[in-house]
Amino acid sequence: MKLSAELVALTGRLGYSFANPETLIRAVTHSSMVSAHRDDNQRLEFLGDRVLGLVMAEALLKADPSAPEGLLAPRYNALVRREACAEVARQLDLGAVLKLGRSEMKSGGRRKEALLADAMEAVIAAIYLDGGFEVARDVVLRLWGDQIKNVAVDARDAKTALQEWAQARGEVPPQYIEVARTGPDHQPVFTIEVRLASGLSEQATAGSKRHAEHAAAAALLEKVDI
């Protein structure tokens, strides 16, 4: 089976040429496009998540041989989480080549963070199956290079840091409240308020609840003494 021109271009951006093109085709096929003659990328996503995790764990250990697990774990989480995978997918313009069903096409599936992240993990698995672990590791390290280089020394996300701050002072965990939702169903915008038991609060707006929660937590952290 030959790759389309768009997928050939993707292999160029990946820096890897597939011996078995069908593996890449499956990696970019969403479940909404499944038919009797086509498999989706869910199983590849499962495998790719594990390959990515191993590569990142190994890279972090090599980058900082003296770092304790307590610092390595949040750095690791920052590099393998959905946002990190989706960012690499956007850099590759992976959304443009995804095979989506009509419903996903209409709902803006090519831009959805979860869908992009899942597809990125599936592509990693496809490279691993086609070329082996060393090849997959080299591709991942190149694609994640800037993120690995720039990951914070203390990479705890804002929500975790705020919760730990509250717990250290004997307070209940922060509350996150959706105060507004605007925009169309396929591209909603959320405004989230985070509130401490002391009454301190902050709000933030983003295209996903998760992003809005983290932005609100980050804003509130600037108000408190950490």
N, C-alpha and C. Protein backbone atom coordinates (compact mmCIF):
# COMPACT_ATOMS: atom_id res chain seq x y z
N MET A 1 0.85 -1.20 0.00
CA MET A 1 0.00 0.00 0.00
C MET A 1 0.89 1.25 0.00
N LYS A 2 0.57 2.20 -0.87
CA LYS A 2 1.36 3.42 -0.98
C LYS A 2 0.74 4.51 -0.11
N LEU A 3 1.60 5.37 0.40
CA LEU A 3 1.14 6.49 1.19
C LEU A 3 0.67 7.62 0.29
N SER A 4 -0.31 8.38 0.77
CA SER A 4 -0.74 9.57 0.05
C SER A 4 0.37 10.62 0.12
N ALA A 5 0.26 11.62 -0.72
CA ALA A 5 1.27 12.68 -0.73
C ALA A 5 1.34 13.38 0.63
N GLU A 6 0.18 13.52 1.29
CA GLU A 6 0.15 14.18 2.59
C GLU A 6 0.89 13.36 3.64
N LEU A 7 0.73 12.04 3.59
CA LEU A 7 1.42 11.19 4.56
C LEU A 7 2.91 11.08 4.25
N VAL A 8 3.27 11.12 2.98
CA VAL A 8 4.68 11.15 2.62
C VAL A 8 5.32 12.41 3.20
N ALA A 9 4.60 13.53 3.11
CA ALA A 9 5.11 14.78 3.67
C ALA A 9 5.26 14.67 5.18
N LEU A 10 4.32 13.96 5.82
CA LEU A 10 4.42 13.77 7.27
C LEU A 10 5.67 12.97 7.62
N THR A 11 5.97 11.94 6.86
CA THR A 11 7.17 11.15 7.15
C THR A 11 8.42 12.02 7.05
N GLY A 12 8.39 12.99 6.16
CA GLY A 12 9.50 13.92 6.06
C GLY A 12 9.64 14.76 7.31
N ARG A 13 8.51 15.21 7.84
CA ARG A 13 8.55 16.01 9.07
C ARG A 13 8.95 15.15 10.26
N LEU A 14 8.56 13.89 10.23
CA LEU A 14 8.96 12.97 11.30
C LEU A 14 10.43 12.60 11.20
N GLY A 15 10.96 12.64 10.00
CA GLY A 15 12.33 12.20 9.79
C GLY A 15 12.46 10.69 9.80
N TYR A 16 11.38 10.02 9.39
CA TYR A 16 11.40 8.55 9.36
C TYR A 16 10.57 8.05 8.20
N SER A 17 11.12 7.10 7.44
CA SER A 17 10.42 6.49 6.31
C SER A 17 9.99 5.07 6.69
N PHE A 18 8.72 4.78 6.52
CA PHE A 18 8.16 3.50 6.97
C PHE A 18 8.41 2.39 5.96
N ALA A 19 8.88 1.25 6.46
CA ALA A 19 8.99 0.05 5.63
C ALA A 19 7.61 -0.51 5.35
N ASN A 20 6.71 -0.40 6.32
CA ASN A 20 5.33 -0.88 6.18
C ASN A 20 4.39 0.31 6.30
N PRO A 21 4.00 0.92 5.20
CA PRO A 21 3.16 2.13 5.24
C PRO A 21 1.83 1.92 5.97
N GLU A 22 1.31 0.70 5.97
CA GLU A 22 0.02 0.46 6.62
C GLU A 22 0.05 0.79 8.10
N THR A 23 1.22 0.66 8.71
CA THR A 23 1.34 0.97 10.14
C THR A 23 1.07 2.44 10.39
N LEU A 24 1.61 3.31 9.55
CA LEU A 24 1.36 4.74 9.68
C LEU A 24 -0.10 5.08 9.38
N ILE A 25 -0.65 4.45 8.37
CA ILE A 25 -2.05 4.71 8.02
C ILE A 25 -2.96 4.39 9.20
N ARG A 26 -2.70 3.27 9.85
CA ARG A 26 -3.51 2.91 11.03
C ARG A 26 -3.32 3.92 12.15
N ALA A 27 -2.11 4.43 12.29
CA ALA A 27 -1.82 5.38 13.37
C ALA A 27 -2.59 6.69 13.23
N VAL A 28 -2.93 7.06 12.01
CA VAL A 28 -3.64 8.33 11.80
C VAL A 28 -5.13 8.12 11.56
N THR A 29 -5.62 6.91 11.80
CA THR A 29 -7.04 6.60 11.59
C THR A 29 -7.80 6.61 12.91
N HIS A 30 -8.68 7.56 13.07
CA HIS A 30 -9.49 7.70 14.29
C HIS A 30 -10.61 6.67 14.29
N SER A 31 -11.10 6.35 15.48
CA SER A 31 -12.16 5.34 15.60
C SER A 31 -13.43 5.73 14.87
N SER A 32 -13.65 7.03 14.67
CA SER A 32 -14.84 7.48 13.95
C SER A 32 -14.79 7.10 12.47
N MET A 33 -13.64 6.64 12.01
CA MET A 33 -13.45 6.29 10.59
C MET A 33 -13.38 4.79 10.38
N VAL A 34 -13.59 4.03 11.44
CA VAL A 34 -13.41 2.57 11.36
C VAL A 34 -14.46 1.94 10.45
N SER A 35 -14.01 0.98 9.66
CA SER A 35 -14.91 0.18 8.83
C SER A 35 -14.43 -1.26 8.89
N ALA A 36 -15.12 -2.10 8.16
CA ALA A 36 -14.75 -3.52 8.16
C ALA A 36 -13.36 -3.75 7.57
N HIS A 37 -12.88 -2.77 6.83
CA HIS A 37 -11.59 -2.95 6.15
C HIS A 37 -10.50 -2.04 6.72
N ARG A 38 -10.76 -1.42 7.87
CA ARG A 38 -9.79 -0.47 8.40
C ARG A 38 -9.77 -0.53 9.92
N ASP A 39 -8.58 -0.58 10.50
CA ASP A 39 -8.42 -0.56 11.95
C ASP A 39 -8.14 0.86 12.41
N ASP A 40 -8.58 1.17 13.65
CA ASP A 40 -8.30 2.51 14.18
C ASP A 40 -6.99 2.50 14.97
N ASN A 41 -6.65 3.65 15.54
CA ASN A 41 -5.34 3.80 16.18
C ASN A 41 -5.35 3.61 17.70
N GLN A 42 -6.44 3.10 18.27
CA GLN A 42 -6.52 3.02 19.73
C GLN A 42 -5.50 2.07 20.33
N ARG A 43 -5.28 0.94 19.74
CA ARG A 43 -4.30 0.00 20.28
C ARG A 43 -2.88 0.56 20.13
N LEU A 44 -2.64 1.24 19.02
CA LEU A 44 -1.34 1.87 18.85
C LEU A 44 -1.13 2.99 19.87
N GLU A 45 -2.18 3.72 20.15
CA GLU A 45 -2.09 4.77 21.17
C GLU A 45 -1.66 4.18 22.52
N PHE A 46 -2.24 3.05 22.89
CA PHE A 46 -1.90 2.37 24.14
C PHE A 46 -0.41 2.03 24.18
N LEU A 47 0.10 1.50 23.08
CA LEU A 47 1.51 1.13 23.02
C LEU A 47 2.41 2.37 22.99
N GLY A 48 2.03 3.35 22.20
CA GLY A 48 2.84 4.54 22.07
C GLY A 48 3.01 5.30 23.37
N ASP A 49 1.98 5.28 24.19
CA ASP A 49 2.07 5.92 25.51
C ASP A 49 3.19 5.29 26.33
N ARG A 50 3.32 3.98 26.25
CA ARG A 50 4.36 3.27 27.02
C ARG A 50 5.75 3.52 26.43
N VAL A 51 5.85 3.57 25.11
CA VAL A 51 7.14 3.84 24.49
C VAL A 51 7.60 5.26 24.85
N LEU A 52 6.69 6.21 24.75
CA LEU A 52 7.02 7.60 25.11
C LEU A 52 7.46 7.68 26.56
N GLY A 53 6.74 6.99 27.44
CA GLY A 53 7.09 7.02 28.86
C GLY A 53 8.49 6.50 29.12
N LEU A 54 8.84 5.40 28.49
CA LEU A 54 10.17 4.83 28.69
C LEU A 54 11.25 5.77 28.17
N VAL A 55 11.03 6.35 27.00
CA VAL A 55 12.02 7.27 26.43
C VAL A 55 12.22 8.46 27.36
N MET A 56 11.13 9.03 27.87
CA MET A 56 11.24 10.20 28.73
C MET A 56 11.88 9.87 30.07
N ALA A 57 11.54 8.75 30.64
CA ALA A 57 12.14 8.36 31.92
C ALA A 57 13.65 8.20 31.75
N GLU A 58 14.06 7.55 30.69
CA GLU A 58 15.48 7.35 30.42
C GLU A 58 16.18 8.69 30.18
N ALA A 59 15.55 9.56 29.41
CA ALA A 59 16.16 10.86 29.09
C ALA A 59 16.33 11.72 30.34
N LEU A 60 15.34 11.70 31.22
CA LEU A 60 15.42 12.51 32.44
C LEU A 60 16.49 11.99 33.39
N LEU A 61 16.63 10.69 33.50
CA LEU A 61 17.67 10.11 34.35
C LEU A 61 19.05 10.49 33.84
N LYS A 62 19.23 10.47 32.53
CA LYS A 62 20.52 10.82 31.95
C LYS A 62 20.80 12.31 32.09
N ALA A 63 19.76 13.13 31.94
CA ALA A 63 19.94 14.58 31.98
C ALA A 63 20.32 15.09 33.37
N ASP A 64 19.83 14.42 34.41
CA ASP A 64 20.09 14.88 35.78
C ASP A 64 20.30 13.66 36.68
N PRO A 65 21.51 13.10 36.68
CA PRO A 65 21.77 11.86 37.43
C PRO A 65 21.57 11.98 38.93
N SER A 66 21.58 13.20 39.46
CA SER A 66 21.47 13.36 40.91
C SER A 66 20.06 13.72 41.38
N ALA A 67 19.14 13.93 40.45
CA ALA A 67 17.79 14.36 40.83
C ALA A 67 17.03 13.25 41.54
N PRO A 68 16.37 13.55 42.65
CA PRO A 68 15.57 12.54 43.34
C PRO A 68 14.26 12.28 42.60
N GLU A 69 13.63 11.17 42.95
CA GLU A 69 12.36 10.81 42.29
C GLU A 69 11.32 11.90 42.45
N GLY A 70 11.34 12.60 43.57
CA GLY A 70 10.35 13.65 43.81
C GLY A 70 10.41 14.79 42.82
N LEU A 71 11.58 15.03 42.23
CA LEU A 71 11.69 16.05 41.18
C LEU A 71 11.55 15.45 39.79
N LEU A 72 12.00 14.21 39.62
CA LEU A 72 11.90 13.57 38.31
C LEU A 72 10.44 13.32 37.91
N ALA A 73 9.62 12.91 38.88
CA ALA A 73 8.24 12.55 38.56
C ALA A 73 7.45 13.70 37.94
N PRO A 74 7.48 14.92 38.53
CA PRO A 74 6.72 16.00 37.88
C PRO A 74 7.30 16.42 36.54
N ARG A 75 8.61 16.32 36.37
CA ARG A 75 9.21 16.61 35.06
C ARG A 75 8.70 15.60 34.03
N TYR A 76 8.70 14.35 34.43
CA TYR A 76 8.19 13.29 33.56
C TYR A 76 6.74 13.55 33.17
N ASN A 77 5.92 13.88 34.16
CA ASN A 77 4.51 14.12 33.88
C ASN A 77 4.32 15.29 32.93
N ALA A 78 5.17 16.31 33.06
CA ALA A 78 5.07 17.46 32.18
C ALA A 78 5.39 17.10 30.74
N LEU A 79 6.25 16.12 30.54
CA LEU A 79 6.70 15.77 29.19
C LEU A 79 5.80 14.75 28.49
N VAL A 80 5.05 13.96 29.26
CA VAL A 80 4.22 12.92 28.64
C VAL A 80 2.74 13.25 28.67
N ARG A 81 2.36 14.32 29.33
CA ARG A 81 0.93 14.61 29.45
C ARG A 81 0.33 15.02 28.11
N ARG A 82 -0.98 15.09 28.08
CA ARG A 82 -1.71 15.34 26.83
C ARG A 82 -1.25 16.62 26.14
N GLU A 83 -1.05 17.67 26.91
CA GLU A 83 -0.68 18.95 26.31
C GLU A 83 0.65 18.86 25.57
N ALA A 84 1.61 18.14 26.15
CA ALA A 84 2.92 18.01 25.51
C ALA A 84 2.81 17.24 24.20
N CYS A 85 2.05 16.14 24.21
CA CYS A 85 1.87 15.35 22.99
C CYS A 85 1.14 16.15 21.91
N ALA A 86 0.11 16.88 22.32
CA ALA A 86 -0.65 17.67 21.35
C ALA A 86 0.20 18.78 20.75
N GLU A 87 1.09 19.36 21.55
CA GLU A 87 1.95 20.42 21.03
C GLU A 87 2.88 19.88 19.94
N VAL A 88 3.45 18.71 20.16
CA VAL A 88 4.30 18.11 19.13
C VAL A 88 3.46 17.78 17.90
N ALA A 89 2.25 17.29 18.11
CA ALA A 89 1.37 16.98 16.97
C ALA A 89 1.09 18.23 16.14
N ARG A 90 0.88 19.36 16.81
CA ARG A 90 0.63 20.61 16.08
C ARG A 90 1.86 21.02 15.29
N GLN A 91 3.02 20.87 15.86
CA GLN A 91 4.26 21.22 15.16
C GLN A 91 4.44 20.38 13.90
N LEU A 92 3.97 19.15 13.96
CA LEU A 92 4.04 18.25 12.80
C LEU A 92 2.88 18.43 11.84
N ASP A 93 1.90 19.27 12.22
CA ASP A 93 0.66 19.42 11.46
C ASP A 93 -0.02 18.06 11.28
N LEU A 94 -0.02 17.29 12.36
CA LEU A 94 -0.58 15.94 12.31
C LEU A 94 -2.09 15.97 12.09
N GLY A 95 -2.75 16.99 12.62
CA GLY A 95 -4.20 17.08 12.47
C GLY A 95 -4.64 17.09 11.02
N ALA A 96 -3.82 17.66 10.15
CA ALA A 96 -4.20 17.80 8.74
C ALA A 96 -4.29 16.47 8.02
N VAL A 97 -3.62 15.44 8.54
CA VAL A 97 -3.59 14.15 7.84
C VAL A 97 -4.43 13.08 8.54
N LEU A 98 -5.09 13.43 9.63
CA LEU A 98 -5.88 12.43 10.35
C LEU A 98 -7.08 11.99 9.52
N LYS A 99 -7.39 10.70 9.60
CA LYS A 99 -8.55 10.15 8.92
C LYS A 99 -9.70 10.11 9.93
N LEU A 100 -10.66 11.00 9.72
CA LEU A 100 -11.75 11.20 10.67
C LEU A 100 -13.09 10.91 10.01
N GLY A 101 -14.05 10.47 10.83
CA GLY A 101 -15.41 10.31 10.36
C GLY A 101 -16.09 11.65 10.22
N ARG A 102 -17.24 11.66 9.60
CA ARG A 102 -17.95 12.91 9.33
C ARG A 102 -18.26 13.69 10.61
N SER A 103 -18.67 12.99 11.66
CA SER A 103 -19.04 13.69 12.90
C SER A 103 -17.84 14.41 13.51
N GLU A 104 -16.68 13.75 13.51
CA GLU A 104 -15.47 14.38 14.06
C GLU A 104 -15.01 15.53 13.17
N MET A 105 -15.16 15.38 11.88
CA MET A 105 -14.79 16.46 10.97
C MET A 105 -15.61 17.71 11.27
N LYS A 106 -16.92 17.52 11.46
CA LYS A 106 -17.81 18.65 11.68
C LYS A 106 -17.56 19.30 13.04
N SER A 107 -17.11 18.54 14.01
CA SER A 107 -16.92 19.09 15.35
C SER A 107 -15.50 19.60 15.59
N GLY A 108 -14.75 19.78 14.52
CA GLY A 108 -13.41 20.34 14.66
C GLY A 108 -12.38 19.37 15.19
N GLY A 109 -12.52 18.08 14.84
CA GLY A 109 -11.64 17.05 15.38
C GLY A 109 -10.17 17.26 15.11
N ARG A 110 -9.83 17.90 14.00
CA ARG A 110 -8.42 18.09 13.67
C ARG A 110 -7.72 19.04 14.63
N ARG A 111 -8.52 19.79 15.42
CA ARG A 111 -7.93 20.73 16.37
C ARG A 111 -8.05 20.27 17.82
N LYS A 112 -8.76 19.16 18.05
CA LYS A 112 -9.00 18.74 19.42
C LYS A 112 -7.71 18.23 20.08
N GLU A 113 -7.44 18.75 21.26
CA GLU A 113 -6.19 18.39 21.94
C GLU A 113 -6.11 16.90 22.24
N ALA A 114 -7.19 16.32 22.76
CA ALA A 114 -7.16 14.90 23.12
C ALA A 114 -6.94 14.03 21.89
N LEU A 115 -7.59 14.37 20.81
CA LEU A 115 -7.46 13.59 19.59
C LEU A 115 -6.04 13.70 19.02
N LEU A 116 -5.48 14.90 19.04
CA LEU A 116 -4.11 15.10 18.55
C LEU A 116 -3.11 14.34 19.41
N ALA A 117 -3.29 14.40 20.73
CA ALA A 117 -2.37 13.71 21.63
C ALA A 117 -2.42 12.20 21.41
N ASP A 118 -3.63 11.67 21.29
CA ASP A 118 -3.77 10.22 21.06
C ASP A 118 -3.10 9.81 19.75
N ALA A 119 -3.31 10.60 18.71
CA ALA A 119 -2.72 10.28 17.41
C ALA A 119 -1.20 10.36 17.47
N MET A 120 -0.67 11.31 18.23
CA MET A 120 0.78 11.42 18.35
C MET A 120 1.36 10.17 19.00
N GLU A 121 0.70 9.69 20.04
CA GLU A 121 1.16 8.46 20.69
C GLU A 121 1.06 7.28 19.73
N ALA A 122 0.03 7.25 18.91
CA ALA A 122 -0.13 6.16 17.95
C ALA A 122 0.98 6.19 16.90
N VAL A 123 1.38 7.38 16.49
CA VAL A 123 2.47 7.51 15.52
C VAL A 123 3.78 7.01 16.12
N ILE A 124 4.01 7.33 17.40
CA ILE A 124 5.21 6.84 18.08
C ILE A 124 5.21 5.31 18.07
N ALA A 125 4.07 4.71 18.37
CA ALA A 125 3.98 3.25 18.36
C ALA A 125 4.24 2.70 16.97
N ALA A 126 3.73 3.37 15.95
CA ALA A 126 3.93 2.92 14.58
C ALA A 126 5.41 2.90 14.22
N ILE A 127 6.12 3.94 14.64
CA ILE A 127 7.57 3.99 14.38
C ILE A 127 8.28 2.88 15.14
N TYR A 128 7.86 2.65 16.39
CA TYR A 128 8.46 1.59 17.21
C TYR A 128 8.26 0.22 16.55
N LEU A 129 7.05 -0.06 16.10
CA LEU A 129 6.76 -1.36 15.48
C LEU A 129 7.49 -1.52 14.15
N ASP A 130 7.63 -0.44 13.42
CA ASP A 130 8.23 -0.50 12.09
C ASP A 130 9.76 -0.49 12.13
N GLY A 131 10.32 0.24 13.08
CA GLY A 131 11.78 0.41 13.08
C GLY A 131 12.50 0.00 14.33
N GLY A 132 11.76 -0.32 15.40
CA GLY A 132 12.41 -0.73 16.64
C GLY A 132 12.53 0.40 17.64
N PHE A 133 12.94 0.05 18.86
CA PHE A 133 12.94 1.02 19.96
C PHE A 133 13.97 2.12 19.74
N GLU A 134 15.17 1.78 19.31
CA GLU A 134 16.21 2.80 19.16
C GLU A 134 15.79 3.87 18.16
N VAL A 135 15.17 3.46 17.08
CA VAL A 135 14.70 4.42 16.08
C VAL A 135 13.61 5.29 16.68
N ALA A 136 12.64 4.67 17.36
CA ALA A 136 11.57 5.43 17.99
C ALA A 136 12.12 6.40 19.02
N ARG A 137 13.08 5.96 19.79
CA ARG A 137 13.69 6.84 20.80
C ARG A 137 14.33 8.06 20.15
N ASP A 138 15.07 7.84 19.06
CA ASP A 138 15.72 8.95 18.38
C ASP A 138 14.71 9.97 17.86
N VAL A 139 13.61 9.47 17.29
CA VAL A 139 12.58 10.37 16.77
C VAL A 139 11.94 11.16 17.92
N VAL A 140 11.58 10.48 18.99
CA VAL A 140 10.94 11.15 20.13
C VAL A 140 11.86 12.20 20.73
N LEU A 141 13.12 11.86 20.94
CA LEU A 141 14.05 12.82 21.54
C LEU A 141 14.23 14.04 20.66
N ARG A 142 14.19 13.85 19.35
CA ARG A 142 14.31 15.01 18.46
C ARG A 142 13.06 15.86 18.50
N LEU A 143 11.89 15.22 18.47
CA LEU A 143 10.63 15.97 18.46
C LEU A 143 10.36 16.66 19.79
N TRP A 144 10.77 16.04 20.87
CA TRP A 144 10.55 16.60 22.21
C TRP A 144 11.77 17.39 22.71
N GLY A 145 12.74 17.62 21.85
CA GLY A 145 14.00 18.20 22.28
C GLY A 145 13.87 19.48 23.07
N ASP A 146 13.10 20.44 22.56
CA ASP A 146 12.94 21.71 23.25
C ASP A 146 12.22 21.54 24.57
N GLN A 147 11.21 20.68 24.59
CA GLN A 147 10.47 20.47 25.84
C GLN A 147 11.37 19.84 26.91
N ILE A 148 12.19 18.89 26.50
CA ILE A 148 13.10 18.25 27.46
C ILE A 148 14.10 19.28 27.99
N LYS A 149 14.61 20.09 27.09
CA LYS A 149 15.61 21.09 27.47
C LYS A 149 15.03 22.14 28.41
N ASN A 150 13.77 22.49 28.21
CA ASN A 150 13.17 23.60 28.95
C ASN A 150 12.28 23.19 30.11
N VAL A 151 12.15 21.87 30.36
CA VAL A 151 11.28 21.45 31.45
C VAL A 151 11.80 22.05 32.76
N ALA A 152 10.89 22.56 33.55
CA ALA A 152 11.28 23.27 34.77
C ALA A 152 11.95 22.34 35.77
N VAL A 153 12.88 22.91 36.54
CA VAL A 153 13.53 22.14 37.61
C VAL A 153 12.48 21.59 38.55
N ASP A 154 11.51 22.42 38.92
CA ASP A 154 10.36 21.98 39.70
C ASP A 154 9.15 22.08 38.79
N ALA A 155 8.81 20.96 38.15
CA ALA A 155 7.80 20.97 37.08
C ALA A 155 6.40 20.62 37.56
N ARG A 156 6.16 20.73 38.86
CA ARG A 156 4.80 20.48 39.33
C ARG A 156 3.84 21.41 38.61
N ASP A 157 2.69 20.89 38.19
CA ASP A 157 1.72 21.77 37.56
C ASP A 157 1.08 22.66 38.63
N ALA A 158 0.45 23.73 38.16
CA ALA A 158 -0.07 24.74 39.08
C ALA A 158 -1.12 24.17 40.04
N LYS A 159 -1.99 23.29 39.55
CA LYS A 159 -3.01 22.72 40.42
C LYS A 159 -2.38 21.89 41.54
N THR A 160 -1.38 21.10 41.20
CA THR A 160 -0.70 20.30 42.22
C THR A 160 0.00 21.19 43.24
N ALA A 161 0.69 22.21 42.74
CA ALA A 161 1.42 23.11 43.65
C ALA A 161 0.46 23.84 44.58
N LEU A 162 -0.69 24.27 44.06
CA LEU A 162 -1.65 24.98 44.90
C LEU A 162 -2.26 24.05 45.95
N GLN A 163 -2.57 22.82 45.55
CA GLN A 163 -3.13 21.87 46.51
C GLN A 163 -2.13 21.55 47.61
N GLU A 164 -0.87 21.36 47.23
CA GLU A 164 0.15 21.08 48.24
C GLU A 164 0.34 22.26 49.18
N TRP A 165 0.24 23.47 48.64
CA TRP A 165 0.33 24.67 49.47
C TRP A 165 -0.80 24.69 50.51
N ALA A 166 -2.01 24.39 50.06
CA ALA A 166 -3.15 24.39 50.97
C ALA A 166 -3.03 23.29 52.02
N GLN A 167 -2.64 22.10 51.61
CA GLN A 167 -2.51 20.99 52.55
C GLN A 167 -1.43 21.25 53.60
N ALA A 168 -0.35 21.90 53.19
CA ALA A 168 0.74 22.20 54.12
C ALA A 168 0.29 23.15 55.23
N ARG A 169 -0.79 23.89 54.97
CA ARG A 169 -1.31 24.84 55.94
C ARG A 169 -2.59 24.35 56.60
N GLY A 170 -2.89 23.07 56.40
CA GLY A 170 -4.05 22.47 57.04
C GLY A 170 -5.37 22.89 56.43
N GLU A 171 -5.35 23.43 55.22
CA GLU A 171 -6.59 23.86 54.56
C GLU A 171 -7.15 22.72 53.70
N VAL A 172 -8.43 22.82 53.41
CA VAL A 172 -9.05 21.86 52.50
C VAL A 172 -8.55 22.15 51.09
N PRO A 173 -8.63 21.17 50.18
CA PRO A 173 -8.16 21.40 48.81
C PRO A 173 -8.93 22.53 48.13
N PRO A 174 -8.31 23.22 47.19
CA PRO A 174 -8.98 24.31 46.46
C PRO A 174 -10.20 23.80 45.72
N GLN A 175 -11.19 24.65 45.57
CA GLN A 175 -12.39 24.33 44.79
C GLN A 175 -12.29 24.97 43.42
N TYR A 176 -12.71 24.23 42.39
CA TYR A 176 -12.72 24.75 41.03
C TYR A 176 -14.17 24.79 40.55
N ILE A 177 -14.61 25.96 40.15
CA ILE A 177 -16.02 26.18 39.81
C ILE A 177 -16.11 26.75 38.40
N GLU A 178 -16.93 26.14 37.57
CA GLU A 178 -17.18 26.68 36.24
C GLU A 178 -18.17 27.83 36.36
N VAL A 179 -17.72 29.02 36.06
CA VAL A 179 -18.59 30.19 36.21
C VAL A 179 -19.17 30.65 34.88
N ALA A 180 -18.61 30.20 33.77
CA ALA A 180 -19.16 30.58 32.47
C ALA A 180 -18.68 29.63 31.40
N ARG A 181 -19.53 29.47 30.39
CA ARG A 181 -19.16 28.69 29.19
C ARG A 181 -19.76 29.40 27.99
N THR A 182 -18.92 29.74 27.04
CA THR A 182 -19.37 30.45 25.85
C THR A 182 -18.86 29.73 24.61
N GLY A 183 -19.27 30.23 23.45
CA GLY A 183 -18.80 29.66 22.19
C GLY A 183 -19.65 28.48 21.75
N PRO A 184 -19.42 28.01 20.52
CA PRO A 184 -20.19 26.87 19.98
C PRO A 184 -19.79 25.57 20.67
N ASP A 185 -20.63 24.55 20.52
CA ASP A 185 -20.37 23.26 21.18
C ASP A 185 -19.05 22.64 20.74
N HIS A 186 -18.67 22.83 19.49
CA HIS A 186 -17.44 22.20 19.00
C HIS A 186 -16.19 22.98 19.38
N GLN A 187 -16.36 24.22 19.91
CA GLN A 187 -15.20 25.02 20.29
C GLN A 187 -15.56 25.90 21.49
N PRO A 188 -15.87 25.26 22.63
CA PRO A 188 -16.31 26.03 23.80
C PRO A 188 -15.16 26.78 24.47
N VAL A 189 -15.52 27.79 25.21
CA VAL A 189 -14.56 28.57 26.01
C VAL A 189 -15.07 28.57 27.44
N PHE A 190 -14.21 28.17 28.37
CA PHE A 190 -14.60 28.02 29.77
C PHE A 190 -13.94 29.08 30.64
N THR A 191 -14.70 29.60 31.59
CA THR A 191 -14.15 30.46 32.64
C THR A 191 -14.29 29.71 33.96
N ILE A 192 -13.16 29.49 34.60
CA ILE A 192 -13.10 28.72 35.84
C ILE A 192 -12.60 29.59 36.98
N GLU A 193 -13.23 29.46 38.13
CA GLU A 193 -12.76 30.14 39.34
C GLU A 193 -12.21 29.11 40.30
N VAL A 194 -11.02 29.38 40.84
CA VAL A 194 -10.45 28.54 41.89
C VAL A 194 -10.55 29.34 43.18
N ARG A 195 -10.96 28.65 44.25
CA ARG A 195 -11.23 29.33 45.51
C ARG A 195 -10.63 28.55 46.67
N LEU A 196 -9.94 29.26 47.55
CA LEU A 196 -9.39 28.67 48.76
C LEU A 196 -10.36 28.87 49.92
N ALA A 197 -10.20 28.06 50.97
CA ALA A 197 -11.07 28.18 52.14
C ALA A 197 -10.93 29.55 52.78
N SER A 198 -9.79 30.19 52.62
CA SER A 198 -9.56 31.52 53.18
C SER A 198 -10.35 32.61 52.48
N GLY A 199 -10.90 32.27 51.31
CA GLY A 199 -11.65 33.25 50.54
C GLY A 199 -10.92 33.79 49.33
N LEU A 200 -9.62 33.58 49.29
CA LEU A 200 -8.86 34.02 48.12
C LEU A 200 -9.32 33.26 46.88
N SER A 201 -9.41 33.95 45.76
CA SER A 201 -9.86 33.29 44.54
C SER A 201 -9.27 33.98 43.32
N GLU A 202 -9.29 33.28 42.22
CA GLU A 202 -8.86 33.82 40.93
C GLU A 202 -9.66 33.13 39.84
N GLN A 203 -9.78 33.80 38.69
CA GLN A 203 -10.46 33.22 37.55
C GLN A 203 -9.54 33.21 36.34
N ALA A 204 -9.83 32.29 35.41
CA ALA A 204 -9.10 32.23 34.15
C ALA A 204 -10.02 31.65 33.08
N THR A 205 -9.74 32.00 31.84
CA THR A 205 -10.55 31.56 30.71
C THR A 205 -9.66 30.85 29.70
N ALA A 206 -10.14 29.72 29.17
CA ALA A 206 -9.37 28.96 28.19
C ALA A 206 -10.32 28.08 27.38
N GLY A 207 -9.76 27.45 26.36
CA GLY A 207 -10.56 26.61 25.47
C GLY A 207 -10.85 25.23 26.00
N SER A 208 -10.35 24.88 27.19
CA SER A 208 -10.70 23.63 27.84
C SER A 208 -10.76 23.87 29.34
N LYS A 209 -11.55 23.05 30.04
CA LYS A 209 -11.64 23.21 31.49
C LYS A 209 -10.28 23.01 32.14
N ARG A 210 -9.54 22.02 31.64
CA ARG A 210 -8.23 21.73 32.23
C ARG A 210 -7.29 22.92 32.13
N HIS A 211 -7.23 23.53 30.96
CA HIS A 211 -6.36 24.68 30.79
C HIS A 211 -6.81 25.84 31.67
N ALA A 212 -8.12 26.06 31.74
CA ALA A 212 -8.63 27.17 32.55
C ALA A 212 -8.35 26.93 34.03
N GLU A 213 -8.50 25.69 34.49
CA GLU A 213 -8.20 25.37 35.89
C GLU A 213 -6.73 25.62 36.21
N HIS A 214 -5.86 25.19 35.32
CA HIS A 214 -4.42 25.38 35.57
C HIS A 214 -4.05 26.86 35.54
N ALA A 215 -4.65 27.60 34.62
CA ALA A 215 -4.35 29.03 34.54
C ALA A 215 -4.86 29.77 35.77
N ALA A 216 -6.04 29.38 36.26
CA ALA A 216 -6.57 30.00 37.47
C ALA A 216 -5.70 29.68 38.68
N ALA A 217 -5.26 28.42 38.77
CA ALA A 217 -4.39 28.02 39.88
C ALA A 217 -3.07 28.78 39.83
N ALA A 218 -2.51 28.94 38.63
CA ALA A 218 -1.25 29.67 38.49
C ALA A 218 -1.42 31.12 38.92
N ALA A 219 -2.54 31.72 38.55
CA ALA A 219 -2.80 33.10 38.94
C ALA A 219 -2.94 33.24 40.46
N LEU A 220 -3.59 32.25 41.08
CA LEU A 220 -3.79 32.31 42.53
C LEU A 220 -2.47 32.07 43.26
N LEU A 221 -1.63 31.22 42.70
CA LEU A 221 -0.32 30.98 43.32
C LEU A 221 0.50 32.25 43.41
N GLU A 222 0.30 33.17 42.48
CA GLU A 222 1.04 34.43 42.51
C GLU A 222 0.59 35.32 43.67
N LYS A 223 -0.61 35.04 44.18
CA LYS A 223 -1.15 35.85 45.28
C LYS A 223 -0.68 35.35 46.65
N VAL A 224 -0.36 34.06 46.72
CA VAL A 224 -0.05 33.47 48.03
C VAL A 224 1.46 33.33 48.19
N ASP A 225 1.88 33.16 49.40
CA ASP A 225 3.31 33.02 49.72
C ASP A 225 3.69 31.56 49.62
N ILE A 226 4.39 31.18 48.52
CA ILE A 226 4.82 29.79 48.37
C ILE A 226 6.32 29.69 48.55
